């Protein structure tokens, strides 16, 4: 069996598994959120995708709809689209791909025991994975993730260095609130909306592909200690590439357990317009 054939078989197997799990979840009574809570709970939804993969455009569209429409009551979907690079050898080099995002996916594959990396793969709050184009299972998984205790995260924009960079401060509450099992890393991600490509080769040749929340950069701010009673406070300088459209940028702060990779809390903000 070729690698591509194996990948197709594996995705089909995962899709069927997701259907079974989703049906079981539907059969069980769902926990009802506190009706007095009016604010939406943030849930990080990562999509590992590639412009070289013909199965990925429906998943890209789903992620875009989740971000723009926010269809799940009381849940704020924070989308992060991560383009892997292992499809680049099939005739089309994805301009948004990075080996960093491939390594991040491989970490999830190991922790979540997914068997092997595949696209499109959706990871919800770092603890559940599914085929990224299966909308019903995705919404159900996101809804379930929103029921978990979360640590509060605050993201405050600071001084801006013209068009090139800006300081951001991150505050994280006590990890005990989210029942953290280990220390957690505090991350800052930059995503960009409105990106698209006219693909001229590979499996999607002849198609124009549209994306949402494409991951542009990811940096670690620090480590929040699980046994600390004071939480975490830190800051980082975020650099903006001149090719990015600042009007379409968001900065996302999230806290992720080092061992399990479960995301304990998150927030995001739109980047302010550049100073003249």
C-alpha atoms as a PDB file:
ATOM      1  CA  UNK A   1       0.000   0.000   0.000  1.00  0.00           C
ATOM      2  CA  UNK A   2       1.387   3.395  -0.939  1.00  0.00           C
ATOM      3  CA  UNK A   3       1.747   6.168   1.644  1.00  0.00           C
ATOM      4  CA  UNK A   4      -1.063   8.137  -0.002  1.00  0.00           C
ATOM      5  CA  UNK A   5      -3.363   5.101  -0.066  1.00  0.00           C
ATOM      6  CA  UNK A   6      -2.589   4.446   3.589  1.00  0.00           C
ATOM      7  CA  UNK A   7      -3.381   8.058   4.444  1.00  0.00           C
ATOM      8  CA  UNK A   8      -6.746   7.807   2.652  1.00  0.00           C
ATOM      9  CA  UNK A   9      -7.534   4.550   4.485  1.00  0.00           C
ATOM     10  CA  UNK A  10      -6.536   6.053   7.832  1.00  0.00           C
ATOM     11  CA  UNK A  11      -8.703   9.137   7.332  1.00  0.00           C
ATOM     12  CA  UNK A  12     -11.678   6.941   6.472  1.00  0.00           C
ATOM     13  CA  UNK A  13     -11.075   4.866   9.614  1.00  0.00           C
ATOM     14  CA  UNK A  14     -10.885   7.985  11.791  1.00  0.00           C
ATOM     15  CA  UNK A  15     -14.024   9.413  10.184  1.00  0.00           C
ATOM     16  CA  UNK A  16     -16.003   6.251  10.966  1.00  0.00           C
ATOM     17  CA  UNK A  17     -14.658   6.286  14.529  1.00  0.00           C
ATOM     18  CA  UNK A  18     -15.807   9.894  14.896  1.00  0.00           C
ATOM     19  CA  UNK A  19     -19.309   8.946  13.705  1.00  0.00           C
ATOM     20  CA  UNK A  20     -19.524   6.188  16.325  1.00  0.00           C
ATOM     21  CA  UNK A  21     -18.236   8.439  19.119  1.00  0.00           C
ATOM     22  CA  UNK A  22     -20.566  11.261  18.119  1.00  0.00           C
ATOM     23  CA  UNK A  23     -23.576   8.965  18.049  1.00  0.00           C
ATOM     24  CA  UNK A  24     -22.711   7.671  21.535  1.00  0.00           C
ATOM     25  CA  UNK A  25     -22.382  11.242  22.771  1.00  0.00           C
ATOM     26  CA  UNK A  26     -25.769  12.121  21.284  1.00  0.00           C
ATOM     27  CA  UNK A  27     -27.355   9.155  23.061  1.00  0.00           C
ATOM     28  CA  UNK A  28     -26.090  10.315  26.457  1.00  0.00           C
ATOM     29  CA  UNK A  29     -27.645  13.321  28.195  1.00  0.00           C
ATOM     30  CA  UNK A  30     -25.445  16.353  27.748  1.00  0.00           C
ATOM     31  CA  UNK A  31     -24.428  18.502  30.675  1.00  0.00           C
ATOM     32  CA  UNK A  32     -26.238  21.830  30.542  1.00  0.00           C
ATOM     33  CA  UNK A  33     -24.165  24.974  31.118  1.00  0.00           C
ATOM     34  CA  UNK A  34     -25.211  27.331  33.891  1.00  0.00           C
ATOM     35  CA  UNK A  35     -28.014  29.425  32.358  1.00  0.00           C
ATOM     36  CA  UNK A  36     -26.867  32.482  34.299  1.00  0.00           C
ATOM     37  CA  UNK A  37     -23.586  32.594  32.396  1.00  0.00           C
ATOM     38  CA  UNK A  38     -23.886  35.131  29.580  1.00  0.00           C
ATOM     39  CA  UNK A  39     -20.311  35.229  28.328  1.00  0.00           C
ATOM     40  CA  UNK A  40     -18.987  32.802  25.761  1.00  0.00           C
ATOM     41  CA  UNK A  41     -16.329  30.300  26.820  1.00  0.00           C
ATOM     42  CA  UNK A  42     -13.306  30.242  24.500  1.00  0.00           C
ATOM     43  CA  UNK A  43     -12.365  26.953  22.830  1.00  0.00           C
ATOM     44  CA  UNK A  44      -9.237  26.633  20.676  1.00  0.00           C
ATOM     45  CA  UNK A  45      -9.911  24.768  17.427  1.00  0.00           C
ATOM     46  CA  UNK A  46      -6.757  23.871  15.486  1.00  0.00           C
ATOM     47  CA  UNK A  47      -6.972  22.569  11.939  1.00  0.00           C
ATOM     48  CA  UNK A  48      -3.973  20.860  10.367  1.00  0.00           C
ATOM     49  CA  UNK A  49      -4.391  21.275   6.636  1.00  0.00           C
ATOM     50  CA  UNK A  50      -2.591  21.748   3.331  1.00  0.00           C
ATOM     51  CA  UNK A  51      -3.287  23.325  -0.032  1.00  0.00           C
ATOM     52  CA  UNK A  52      -1.804  20.171  -1.575  1.00  0.00           C
ATOM     53  CA  UNK A  53      -4.531  17.956  -0.072  1.00  0.00           C
ATOM     54  CA  UNK A  54      -7.772  17.560  -2.041  1.00  0.00           C
ATOM     55  CA  UNK A  55      -9.690  16.557   1.106  1.00  0.00           C
ATOM     56  CA  UNK A  56      -8.795  19.784   2.917  1.00  0.00           C
ATOM     57  CA  UNK A  57     -10.892  22.574   1.292  1.00  0.00           C
ATOM     58  CA  UNK A  58     -14.162  21.412   2.956  1.00  0.00           C
ATOM     59  CA  UNK A  59     -12.396  21.425   6.331  1.00  0.00           C
ATOM     60  CA  UNK A  60     -10.968  24.900   5.641  1.00  0.00           C
ATOM     61  CA  UNK A  61     -14.496  26.078   4.852  1.00  0.00           C
ATOM     62  CA  UNK A  62     -15.853  24.519   8.033  1.00  0.00           C
ATOM     63  CA  UNK A  63     -13.230  26.248  10.164  1.00  0.00           C
ATOM     64  CA  UNK A  64     -13.994  29.568   8.482  1.00  0.00           C
ATOM     65  CA  UNK A  65     -17.702  29.150   9.205  1.00  0.00           C
ATOM     66  CA  UNK A  66     -17.034  28.238  12.830  1.00  0.00           C
ATOM     67  CA  UNK A  67     -14.959  31.383  13.233  1.00  0.00           C
ATOM     68  CA  UNK A  68     -17.279  33.780  11.418  1.00  0.00           C
ATOM     69  CA  UNK A  69     -20.690  32.423  12.383  1.00  0.00           C
ATOM     70  CA  UNK A  70     -19.918  31.207  15.934  1.00  0.00           C
ATOM     71  CA  UNK A  71     -22.819  28.718  15.711  1.00  0.00           C
ATOM     72  CA  UNK A  72     -22.425  27.056  19.117  1.00  0.00           C
ATOM     73  CA  UNK A  73     -24.321  28.830  21.920  1.00  0.00           C
ATOM     74  CA  UNK A  74     -22.142  30.271  24.680  1.00  0.00           C
ATOM     75  CA  UNK A  75     -18.951  29.136  22.987  1.00  0.00           C
ATOM     76  CA  UNK A  76     -16.329  31.364  21.384  1.00  0.00           C
ATOM     77  CA  UNK A  77     -14.499  29.345  18.764  1.00  0.00           C
ATOM     78  CA  UNK A  78     -10.912  30.602  18.453  1.00  0.00           C
ATOM     79  CA  UNK A  79      -9.728  29.166  15.140  1.00  0.00           C
ATOM     80  CA  UNK A  80      -6.104  28.424  14.248  1.00  0.00           C
ATOM     81  CA  UNK A  81      -5.397  26.995  10.781  1.00  0.00           C
ATOM     82  CA  UNK A  82      -1.978  25.308  10.640  1.00  0.00           C
ATOM     83  CA  UNK A  83      -0.586  24.344   7.230  1.00  0.00           C
ATOM     84  CA  UNK A  84       1.762  21.347   7.324  1.00  0.00           C
ATOM     85  CA  UNK A  85       4.599  20.873   4.850  1.00  0.00           C
ATOM     86  CA  UNK A  86       4.567  17.131   4.058  1.00  0.00           C
ATOM     87  CA  UNK A  87       2.288  17.617   1.038  1.00  0.00           C
ATOM     88  CA  UNK A  88       4.717  20.048  -0.609  1.00  0.00           C
ATOM     89  CA  UNK A  89       6.496  17.324  -2.563  1.00  0.00           C
ATOM     90  CA  UNK A  90       3.376  16.523  -4.644  1.00  0.00           C
ATOM     91  CA  UNK A  91       3.706  19.421  -7.080  1.00  0.00           C
ATOM     92  CA  UNK A  92       2.396  22.379  -5.096  1.00  0.00           C
ATOM     93  CA  UNK A  93       4.293  24.179  -2.332  1.00  0.00           C
ATOM     94  CA  UNK A  94       1.774  25.557   0.138  1.00  0.00           C
ATOM     95  CA  UNK A  95       2.851  29.185   0.756  1.00  0.00           C
ATOM     96  CA  UNK A  96       1.476  29.077   4.298  1.00  0.00           C
ATOM     97  CA  UNK A  97       3.091  25.787   5.310  1.00  0.00           C
ATOM     98  CA  UNK A  98       5.791  25.427   7.944  1.00  0.00           C
ATOM     99  CA  UNK A  99       7.754  22.514   9.407  1.00  0.00           C
ATOM    100  CA  UNK A 100       6.939  24.036  12.816  1.00  0.00           C
ATOM    101  CA  UNK A 101       3.251  23.274  12.364  1.00  0.00           C
ATOM    102  CA  UNK A 102       4.097  19.753  11.153  1.00  0.00           C
ATOM    103  CA  UNK A 103       6.067  19.169  14.365  1.00  0.00           C
ATOM    104  CA  UNK A 104       3.190  20.526  16.423  1.00  0.00           C
ATOM    105  CA  UNK A 105       0.832  18.085  14.733  1.00  0.00           C
ATOM    106  CA  UNK A 106       3.240  15.225  15.381  1.00  0.00           C
ATOM    107  CA  UNK A 107       3.210  16.100  19.089  1.00  0.00           C
ATOM    108  CA  UNK A 108      -0.571  15.834  19.067  1.00  0.00           C
ATOM    109  CA  UNK A 109      -0.456  12.530  17.175  1.00  0.00           C
ATOM    110  CA  UNK A 110       1.764  11.119  19.919  1.00  0.00           C
ATOM    111  CA  UNK A 111      -0.223  12.493  22.856  1.00  0.00           C
ATOM    112  CA  UNK A 112      -3.660  11.696  21.417  1.00  0.00           C
ATOM    113  CA  UNK A 113      -2.540   8.320  20.042  1.00  0.00           C
ATOM    114  CA  UNK A 114      -3.876   9.163  16.607  1.00  0.00           C
ATOM    115  CA  UNK A 115      -1.561   6.676  14.907  1.00  0.00           C
ATOM    116  CA  UNK A 116      -0.131   8.930  12.208  1.00  0.00           C
ATOM    117  CA  UNK A 117      -0.475  12.486  11.017  1.00  0.00           C
ATOM    118  CA  UNK A 118      -3.131  13.150   8.390  1.00  0.00           C
ATOM    119  CA  UNK A 119      -4.998  16.052   6.828  1.00  0.00           C
ATOM    120  CA  UNK A 120      -7.451  17.496   7.496  1.00  0.00           C
ATOM    121  CA  UNK A 121      -7.089  16.877  11.221  1.00  0.00           C
ATOM    122  CA  UNK A 122      -8.948  19.013  13.752  1.00  0.00           C
ATOM    123  CA  UNK A 123      -7.749  19.229  17.370  1.00  0.00           C
ATOM    124  CA  UNK A 124     -10.113  20.766  19.932  1.00  0.00           C
ATOM    125  CA  UNK A 125      -8.599  22.357  23.047  1.00  0.00           C
ATOM    126  CA  UNK A 126      -5.585  20.060  22.665  1.00  0.00           C
ATOM    127  CA  UNK A 127      -7.431  17.013  23.978  1.00  0.00           C
ATOM    128  CA  UNK A 128      -9.700  15.677  21.203  1.00  0.00           C
ATOM    129  CA  UNK A 129      -9.021  15.030  17.524  1.00  0.00           C
ATOM    130  CA  UNK A 130     -11.246  14.242  14.571  1.00  0.00           C
ATOM    131  CA  UNK A 131     -11.467  14.500  10.796  1.00  0.00           C
ATOM    132  CA  UNK A 132     -11.611  18.235  10.146  1.00  0.00           C
ATOM    133  CA  UNK A 133     -14.412  18.199   7.585  1.00  0.00           C
ATOM    134  CA  UNK A 134     -17.016  16.400   9.726  1.00  0.00           C
ATOM    135  CA  UNK A 135     -19.151  19.334  10.865  1.00  0.00           C
ATOM    136  CA  UNK A 136     -21.580  17.597  13.228  1.00  0.00           C
ATOM    137  CA  UNK A 137     -18.841  15.832  15.171  1.00  0.00           C
ATOM    138  CA  UNK A 138     -16.790  19.034  15.282  1.00  0.00           C
ATOM    139  CA  UNK A 139     -19.593  21.085  16.802  1.00  0.00           C
ATOM    140  CA  UNK A 140     -20.377  18.378  19.328  1.00  0.00           C
ATOM    141  CA  UNK A 141     -16.715  18.029  20.323  1.00  0.00           C
ATOM    142  CA  UNK A 142     -16.377  21.796  20.735  1.00  0.00           C
ATOM    143  CA  UNK A 143     -19.521  21.940  22.848  1.00  0.00           C
ATOM    144  CA  UNK A 144     -18.224  19.202  25.139  1.00  0.00           C
ATOM    145  CA  UNK A 145     -14.835  20.934  25.468  1.00  0.00           C
ATOM    146  CA  UNK A 146     -16.560  24.134  26.591  1.00  0.00           C
ATOM    147  CA  UNK A 147     -17.928  22.325  29.659  1.00  0.00           C
ATOM    148  CA  UNK A 148     -14.455  21.771  31.125  1.00  0.00           C
ATOM    149  CA  UNK A 149     -13.205  24.146  33.843  1.00  0.00           C
ATOM    150  CA  UNK A 150     -11.062  26.898  32.382  1.00  0.00           C
ATOM    151  CA  UNK A 151      -8.367  29.148  33.781  1.00  0.00           C
ATOM    152  CA  UNK A 152      -8.926  32.857  33.059  1.00  0.00           C
ATOM    153  CA  UNK A 153      -6.509  34.408  30.548  1.00  0.00           C
ATOM    154  CA  UNK A 154      -6.128  38.147  29.947  1.00  0.00           C
ATOM    155  CA  UNK A 155      -4.344  39.616  26.924  1.00  0.00           C
ATOM    156  CA  UNK A 156      -3.436  43.309  26.987  1.00  0.00           C
ATOM    157  CA  UNK A 157      -1.886  45.142  24.006  1.00  0.00           C
ATOM    158  CA  UNK A 158       1.033  47.378  24.909  1.00  0.00           C
ATOM    159  CA  UNK A 159       3.374  49.737  23.133  1.00  0.00           C
ATOM    160  CA  UNK A 160       3.441  49.489  19.364  1.00  0.00           C
ATOM    161  CA  UNK A 161       6.666  49.839  17.392  1.00  0.00           C
ATOM    162  CA  UNK A 162       5.083  51.404  14.317  1.00  0.00           C
ATOM    163  CA  UNK A 163       4.128  48.715  11.795  1.00  0.00           C
ATOM    164  CA  UNK A 164       6.753  46.164  12.757  1.00  0.00           C
ATOM    165  CA  UNK A 165       6.044  44.990  16.321  1.00  0.00           C
ATOM    166  CA  UNK A 166       3.930  45.359  19.429  1.00  0.00           C
ATOM    167  CA  UNK A 167       4.184  44.355  23.072  1.00  0.00           C
ATOM    168  CA  UNK A 168       1.499  42.150  24.607  1.00  0.00           C
ATOM    169  CA  UNK A 169       1.031  41.326  28.282  1.00  0.00           C
ATOM    170  CA  UNK A 170      -0.530  38.032  29.339  1.00  0.00           C
ATOM    171  CA  UNK A 171      -2.020  37.237  32.729  1.00  0.00           C
ATOM    172  CA  UNK A 172      -3.114  33.740  33.701  1.00  0.00           C
ATOM    173  CA  UNK A 173      -5.172  32.819  36.749  1.00  0.00           C
ATOM    174  CA  UNK A 174      -4.509  30.015  39.191  1.00  0.00           C
ATOM    175  CA  UNK A 175      -4.195  26.754  37.254  1.00  0.00           C
ATOM    176  CA  UNK A 176      -6.018  24.920  40.013  1.00  0.00           C
ATOM    177  CA  UNK A 177      -9.253  26.444  38.676  1.00  0.00           C
ATOM    178  CA  UNK A 178      -8.842  24.321  35.554  1.00  0.00           C
ATOM    179  CA  UNK A 179      -7.719  21.222  37.494  1.00  0.00           C
ATOM    180  CA  UNK A 180      -4.262  21.346  35.933  1.00  0.00           C
ATOM    181  CA  UNK A 181      -2.264  18.148  36.297  1.00  0.00           C
ATOM    182  CA  UNK A 182       1.116  19.678  35.420  1.00  0.00           C
ATOM    183  CA  UNK A 183       2.850  22.955  34.643  1.00  0.00           C
ATOM    184  CA  UNK A 184       1.539  24.729  31.565  1.00  0.00           C
ATOM    185  CA  UNK A 185       3.148  26.746  28.795  1.00  0.00           C
ATOM    186  CA  UNK A 186       1.795  30.164  27.908  1.00  0.00           C
ATOM    187  CA  UNK A 187       1.738  30.829  24.158  1.00  0.00           C
ATOM    188  CA  UNK A 188       1.103  33.768  21.847  1.00  0.00           C
ATOM    189  CA  UNK A 189      -0.078  33.031  18.315  1.00  0.00           C
ATOM    190  CA  UNK A 190      -0.635  35.410  15.408  1.00  0.00           C
ATOM    191  CA  UNK A 191      -3.301  34.426  12.878  1.00  0.00           C
ATOM    192  CA  UNK A 192      -4.378  36.100   9.647  1.00  0.00           C
ATOM    193  CA  UNK A 193      -7.790  35.999   7.984  1.00  0.00           C
ATOM    194  CA  UNK A 194      -8.643  36.660   4.353  1.00  0.00           C
ATOM    195  CA  UNK A 195      -5.828  34.644   2.763  1.00  0.00           C
ATOM    196  CA  UNK A 196      -6.311  32.699  -0.454  1.00  0.00           C
ATOM    197  CA  UNK A 197      -4.315  30.999  -3.209  1.00  0.00           C
ATOM    198  CA  UNK A 198      -4.848  30.165  -6.871  1.00  0.00           C
ATOM    199  CA  UNK A 199      -3.436  26.650  -6.940  1.00  0.00           C
ATOM    200  CA  UNK A 200      -1.781  25.678 -10.214  1.00  0.00           C
ATOM    201  CA  UNK A 201      -0.464  22.191  -9.438  1.00  0.00           C
ATOM    202  CA  UNK A 202      -1.030  19.188  -7.197  1.00  0.00           C
ATOM    203  CA  UNK A 203      -4.362  17.707  -6.120  1.00  0.00           C
ATOM    204  CA  UNK A 204      -6.129  21.094  -6.009  1.00  0.00           C
ATOM    205  CA  UNK A 205      -4.816  22.401  -9.339  1.00  0.00           C
ATOM    206  CA  UNK A 206      -7.145  24.914 -10.955  1.00  0.00           C
ATOM    207  CA  UNK A 207      -8.915  25.841  -7.726  1.00  0.00           C
ATOM    208  CA  UNK A 208      -8.877  29.035  -5.661  1.00  0.00           C
ATOM    209  CA  UNK A 209      -8.624  28.124  -1.980  1.00  0.00           C
ATOM    210  CA  UNK A 210      -9.795  30.449   0.801  1.00  0.00           C
ATOM    211  CA  UNK A 211      -8.606  30.300   4.390  1.00  0.00           C
ATOM    212  CA  UNK A 212      -9.364  31.648   7.835  1.00  0.00           C
ATOM    213  CA  UNK A 213      -7.120  32.266  10.832  1.00  0.00           C
ATOM    214  CA  UNK A 214      -3.929  31.016   9.175  1.00  0.00           C
ATOM    215  CA  UNK A 215      -1.195  30.639  11.777  1.00  0.00           C
ATOM    216  CA  UNK A 216       1.614  33.084  11.062  1.00  0.00           C
ATOM    217  CA  UNK A 217       3.748  32.865  14.189  1.00  0.00           C
ATOM    218  CA  UNK A 218       3.810  31.108  17.550  1.00  0.00           C
ATOM    219  CA  UNK A 219       6.019  31.981  20.516  1.00  0.00           C
ATOM    220  CA  UNK A 220       6.208  30.882  24.121  1.00  0.00           C
ATOM    221  CA  UNK A 221       5.749  33.603  26.733  1.00  0.00           C
ATOM    222  CA  UNK A 222       6.636  31.497  29.759  1.00  0.00           C
ATOM    223  CA  UNK A 223       5.541  28.680  32.075  1.00  0.00           C
ATOM    224  CA  UNK A 224       2.685  28.787  34.553  1.00  0.00           C
ATOM    225  CA  UNK A 225       3.340  26.562  37.567  1.00  0.00           C
ATOM    226  CA  UNK A 226       0.592  24.153  38.501  1.00  0.00           C
ATOM    227  CA  UNK A 227       1.259  24.604  42.232  1.00  0.00           C
ATOM    228  CA  UNK A 228       1.475  28.406  42.139  1.00  0.00           C
ATOM    229  CA  UNK A 229      -1.251  30.356  43.928  1.00  0.00           C
ATOM    230  CA  UNK A 230      -0.472  33.599  42.115  1.00  0.00           C
ATOM    231  CA  UNK A 231      -0.974  32.481  38.520  1.00  0.00           C
ATOM    232  CA  UNK A 232       1.294  33.863  35.820  1.00  0.00           C
ATOM    233  CA  UNK A 233       2.123  37.244  34.342  1.00  0.00           C
ATOM    234  CA  UNK A 234       4.443  37.874  31.424  1.00  0.00           C
ATOM    235  CA  UNK A 235       4.895  39.791  28.206  1.00  0.00           C
ATOM    236  CA  UNK A 236       6.263  39.254  24.732  1.00  0.00           C
ATOM    237  CA  UNK A 237       7.140  41.337  21.713  1.00  0.00           C
ATOM    238  CA  UNK A 238       5.247  40.201  18.650  1.00  0.00           C
ATOM    239  CA  UNK A 239       6.853  40.913  15.284  1.00  0.00           C
ATOM    240  CA  UNK A 240       4.679  41.540  12.238  1.00  0.00           C
ATOM    241  CA  UNK A 241       5.917  40.553   8.806  1.00  0.00           C
ATOM    242  CA  UNK A 242       5.552  43.303   6.221  1.00  0.00           C
ATOM    243  CA  UNK A 243       3.645  40.883   3.953  1.00  0.00           C
ATOM    244  CA  UNK A 244       0.887  40.348   6.522  1.00  0.00           C
ATOM    245  CA  UNK A 245      -2.303  42.422   6.323  1.00  0.00           C
ATOM    246  CA  UNK A 246      -2.407  43.973   9.763  1.00  0.00           C
ATOM    247  CA  UNK A 247      -6.129  44.699   9.484  1.00  0.00           C
ATOM    248  CA  UNK A 248      -6.755  40.932   9.328  1.00  0.00           C
ATOM    249  CA  UNK A 249      -4.454  39.896  12.189  1.00  0.00           C
ATOM    250  CA  UNK A 250      -5.442  38.473  15.554  1.00  0.00           C
ATOM    251  CA  UNK A 251      -3.239  37.653  18.526  1.00  0.00           C
ATOM    252  CA  UNK A 252      -4.267  34.591  20.524  1.00  0.00           C
ATOM    253  CA  UNK A 253      -3.022  33.782  24.018  1.00  0.00           C
ATOM    254  CA  UNK A 254      -3.514  30.280  25.374  1.00  0.00           C
ATOM    255  CA  UNK A 255      -2.291  28.090  28.223  1.00  0.00           C
ATOM    256  CA  UNK A 256      -1.396  24.479  27.423  1.00  0.00           C
ATOM    257  CA  UNK A 257      -0.346  21.692  29.763  1.00  0.00           C
ATOM    258  CA  UNK A 258       3.174  20.516  28.975  1.00  0.00           C
ATOM    259  CA  UNK A 259       2.486  16.812  29.393  1.00  0.00           C
ATOM    260  CA  UNK A 260      -1.067  16.254  28.166  1.00  0.00           C
ATOM    261  CA  UNK A 261      -1.190  19.214  25.718  1.00  0.00           C
ATOM    262  CA  UNK A 262      -4.673  20.030  27.002  1.00  0.00           C
ATOM    263  CA  UNK A 263      -5.490  23.724  26.589  1.00  0.00           C
ATOM    264  CA  UNK A 264      -6.674  25.143  29.906  1.00  0.00           C
ATOM    265  CA  UNK A 265      -7.702  28.638  28.854  1.00  0.00           C
ATOM    266  CA  UNK A 266      -7.469  31.118  26.012  1.00  0.00           C
ATOM    267  CA  UNK A 267      -8.355  34.559  24.727  1.00  0.00           C
ATOM    268  CA  UNK A 268      -7.772  36.617  21.598  1.00  0.00           C
ATOM    269  CA  UNK A 269      -7.742  40.190  20.369  1.00  0.00           C
ATOM    270  CA  UNK A 270      -7.615  41.907  17.007  1.00  0.00           C
ATOM    271  CA  UNK A 271      -4.408  43.764  16.194  1.00  0.00           C
ATOM    272  CA  UNK A 272      -4.799  47.521  16.157  1.00  0.00           C
ATOM    273  CA  UNK A 273      -4.164  49.506  12.985  1.00  0.00           C
ATOM    274  CA  UNK A 274      -0.561  50.480  12.394  1.00  0.00           C
ATOM    275  CA  UNK A 275       0.585  53.883  13.534  1.00  0.00           C
ATOM    276  CA  UNK A 276       1.658  56.360  10.893  1.00  0.00           C
END
